[in-house]
Amino acid sequence: MARAGEVLLTEETRRSTGSADGFEIEGRGSRHFRHLPEPVPVFRAIGAGGVGHDLEIDPVCRMAVDPSDAAGERCRRGFDYYFCSPECERAFAADPRRYIATSPAAKAARRGFLINLSVFLVLGTVHLIAWLGPAHPETWPPPPMLFLFIAWAILLGFHFRAVRRLL
């Protein structure tokens, strides 16, 4: 359940550390763990003064980076990216889509669009065949579903542009 560079503790471990010097304890709520029927309270250990409190992931080498100690930083489309070395920053600057397009968020955005497109194509094809089939010799006026599919196609265009802009 811990992110890179993060240390999580259970209630019992937190109690056994007492008031240890060098770090602070922060509550992170309760989490469900496999093979445990009830949620478990979880705590995060933070360096004294909150040092290393939030680490970012270098998009090139996937190393955890402290933003205050990063070798480089770039902002792309409203998102800040932190780098562990100048080499990683140069690689990102040369081809940012290579590193952003493989992130979990990018994969989820593409998957959502492909699901939306697939459902549109399947339902649209079935309705088009039913509308043009021999059971409905009259072709005008079009059924109300046609207007729904036209609106859906327009929204798919906006969805595609949003995904492309994100990546």
Protein backbone atom coordinates (compact mmCIF):
# COMPACT_ATOMS: atom_id res chain seq x y z
CA MET A 1 0.00 0.00 0.00
CA ALA A 2 3.00 2.35 0.38
CA ARG A 3 4.16 4.56 -2.46
CA ALA A 4 7.81 4.83 -3.44
CA GLY A 5 9.85 6.30 -0.59
CA GLU A 6 6.98 5.98 1.88
CA VAL A 7 6.88 3.94 5.10
CA LEU A 8 3.51 2.82 6.43
CA LEU A 9 2.93 1.44 9.91
CA THR A 10 0.11 -0.39 11.65
CA GLU A 11 -1.32 0.78 14.98
CA GLU A 12 0.72 -1.76 16.93
CA THR A 13 3.98 -0.78 15.23
CA ARG A 14 3.21 2.89 15.83
CA ARG A 15 2.65 2.20 19.54
CA SER A 16 5.89 0.23 19.83
CA THR A 17 7.95 3.10 18.33
CA GLY A 18 6.67 5.46 21.01
CA SER A 19 7.96 8.98 20.54
CA ALA A 20 11.05 8.12 18.52
CA ASP A 21 13.28 10.99 17.48
CA GLY A 22 13.96 11.69 13.83
CA PHE A 23 10.47 11.18 12.41
CA GLU A 24 6.83 12.06 12.86
CA ILE A 25 3.76 9.85 12.53
CA GLU A 26 0.77 10.87 10.40
CA GLY A 27 -2.58 9.04 10.28
CA ARG A 28 -3.54 7.76 6.81
CA GLY A 29 -6.97 6.33 7.59
CA SER A 30 -8.01 2.69 7.49
CA ARG A 31 -7.19 0.34 4.63
CA HIS A 32 -8.43 -3.10 3.65
CA PHE A 33 -5.78 -5.79 3.35
CA ARG A 34 -6.04 -9.21 1.80
CA HIS A 35 -7.04 -12.00 4.21
CA LEU A 36 -8.14 -9.52 6.91
CA PRO A 37 -11.88 -9.09 7.38
CA GLU A 38 -11.74 -5.62 8.98
CA PRO A 39 -9.97 -2.45 7.81
CA VAL A 40 -6.64 -1.73 9.51
CA PRO A 41 -5.65 1.78 10.70
CA VAL A 42 -2.49 2.85 8.85
CA PHE A 43 0.07 5.52 9.73
CA ARG A 44 2.88 7.07 7.71
CA ALA A 45 6.36 7.78 9.06
CA ILE A 46 7.68 11.17 7.95
CA GLY A 47 11.18 12.53 8.39
CA ALA A 48 11.55 15.26 11.05
CA GLY A 49 10.01 18.49 9.84
CA GLY A 50 8.19 16.73 7.01
CA VAL A 51 11.36 16.12 4.96
CA GLY A 52 10.63 13.64 2.20
CA HIS A 53 6.95 14.04 2.94
CA ASP A 54 5.79 13.79 -0.68
CA LEU A 55 7.95 12.20 -3.32
CA GLU A 56 7.34 12.40 -7.04
CA ILE A 57 8.23 9.78 -9.63
CA ASP A 58 10.71 10.64 -12.38
CA PRO A 59 8.78 9.85 -15.59
CA VAL A 60 11.92 8.66 -17.41
CA CYS A 61 13.63 6.25 -14.99
CA ARG A 62 10.69 5.85 -12.53
CA MET A 63 12.90 6.77 -9.54
CA ALA A 64 11.35 8.48 -6.51
CA VAL A 65 12.42 12.14 -6.38
CA ASP A 66 12.03 14.70 -3.60
CA PRO A 67 10.73 17.83 -5.40
CA SER A 68 12.82 20.10 -3.18
CA ASP A 69 15.99 18.19 -4.16
CA ALA A 70 15.19 17.40 -7.81
CA ALA A 71 17.92 17.81 -10.44
CA GLY A 72 15.38 19.30 -12.82
CA GLU A 73 11.73 20.23 -13.19
CA ARG A 74 9.51 20.74 -16.22
CA CYS A 75 5.90 21.81 -16.54
CA ARG A 76 3.92 20.27 -19.39
CA ARG A 77 0.25 21.05 -19.93
CA GLY A 78 -0.27 22.08 -16.33
CA PHE A 79 1.52 19.10 -14.77
CA ASP A 80 4.89 19.35 -13.03
CA TYR A 81 7.47 16.63 -13.63
CA TYR A 82 10.57 16.21 -11.47
CA PHE A 83 13.79 14.51 -12.54
CA CYS A 84 16.54 12.69 -10.66
CA SER A 85 19.27 13.79 -13.11
CA PRO A 86 19.89 16.21 -15.98
CA GLU A 87 20.05 13.20 -18.33
CA CYS A 88 16.49 12.22 -17.46
CA GLU A 89 15.35 15.81 -17.94
CA ARG A 90 17.01 15.97 -21.39
CA ALA A 91 15.46 12.64 -22.42
CA PHE A 92 12.04 13.90 -21.36
CA ALA A 93 12.52 17.23 -23.18
CA ALA A 94 13.46 15.38 -26.39
CA ASP A 95 10.32 13.21 -26.45
CA PRO A 96 7.85 13.87 -23.59
CA ARG A 97 5.02 11.81 -25.13
CA ARG A 98 7.21 8.71 -24.93
CA TYR A 99 7.21 8.93 -21.14
CA ILE A 100 3.78 10.41 -20.48
CA ALA A 101 1.89 8.11 -22.87
CA THR A 102 3.00 5.04 -20.90
CA SER A 103 1.84 6.26 -17.50
CA PRO A 104 -1.04 4.47 -15.75
CA ALA A 105 -3.22 7.59 -16.16
CA ALA A 106 -2.56 7.68 -19.90
CA LYS A 107 -3.34 3.99 -20.25
CA ALA A 108 -6.59 4.46 -18.34
CA ALA A 109 -7.55 7.45 -20.53
CA ARG A 110 -6.92 5.45 -23.71
CA ARG A 111 -8.74 2.41 -22.37
CA GLY A 112 -11.77 4.56 -21.45
CA PHE A 113 -11.87 6.05 -24.94
CA LEU A 114 -11.54 2.63 -26.61
CA ILE A 115 -14.36 1.22 -24.49
CA ASN A 116 -16.56 4.19 -25.36
CA LEU A 117 -15.71 3.85 -29.07
CA SER A 118 -16.31 0.07 -29.07
CA VAL A 119 -19.73 0.37 -27.45
CA PHE A 120 -20.65 3.15 -29.88
CA LEU A 121 -19.64 1.07 -32.92
CA VAL A 122 -21.42 -2.09 -31.77
CA LEU A 123 -24.66 -0.39 -30.74
CA GLY A 124 -24.57 1.96 -33.73
CA THR A 125 -24.10 -0.92 -36.17
CA VAL A 126 -26.93 -2.96 -34.63
CA HIS A 127 -29.31 0.01 -34.70
CA LEU A 128 -28.31 0.97 -38.24
CA ILE A 129 -28.92 -2.57 -39.51
CA ALA A 130 -32.28 -2.69 -37.74
CA TRP A 131 -33.24 0.72 -39.14
CA LEU A 132 -32.23 -0.07 -42.73
CA GLY A 133 -33.43 -3.68 -42.60
CA PRO A 134 -36.46 -5.10 -44.40
CA ALA A 135 -38.70 -4.73 -41.35
CA HIS A 136 -38.68 -0.93 -41.79
CA PRO A 137 -39.17 -0.11 -45.49
CA GLU A 138 -39.78 3.56 -44.77
CA THR A 139 -36.49 5.33 -44.19
CA TRP A 140 -37.79 8.75 -43.29
CA PRO A 141 -38.23 10.15 -40.73
CA PRO A 142 -35.24 8.61 -38.96
CA PRO A 143 -35.83 7.02 -35.57
CA PRO A 144 -35.05 9.10 -32.45
CA MET A 145 -32.10 6.82 -31.72
CA LEU A 146 -30.33 8.21 -34.79
CA PHE A 147 -30.19 11.64 -33.16
CA LEU A 148 -28.79 10.06 -30.01
CA PHE A 149 -26.03 8.38 -32.02
CA ILE A 150 -25.19 11.61 -33.83
CA ALA A 151 -24.84 13.39 -30.47
CA TRP A 152 -22.77 10.46 -29.16
CA ALA A 153 -20.46 10.65 -32.21
CA ILE A 154 -19.91 14.36 -31.60
CA LEU A 155 -19.12 13.70 -27.94
CA LEU A 156 -16.72 10.92 -29.00
CA GLY A 157 -14.85 13.51 -31.05
CA PHE A 158 -14.50 15.74 -27.99
CA HIS A 159 -13.46 12.72 -25.89
CA PHE A 160 -10.77 11.83 -28.44
CA ARG A 161 -9.44 15.40 -28.47
CA ALA A 162 -9.34 15.50 -24.66
CA VAL A 163 -7.37 12.24 -24.51
CA ARG A 164 -4.94 13.47 -27.20
CA ARG A 165 -4.49 16.76 -25.34
CA LEU A 166 -3.79 14.90 -22.09
CA LEU A 167 -1.11 12.81 -23.73
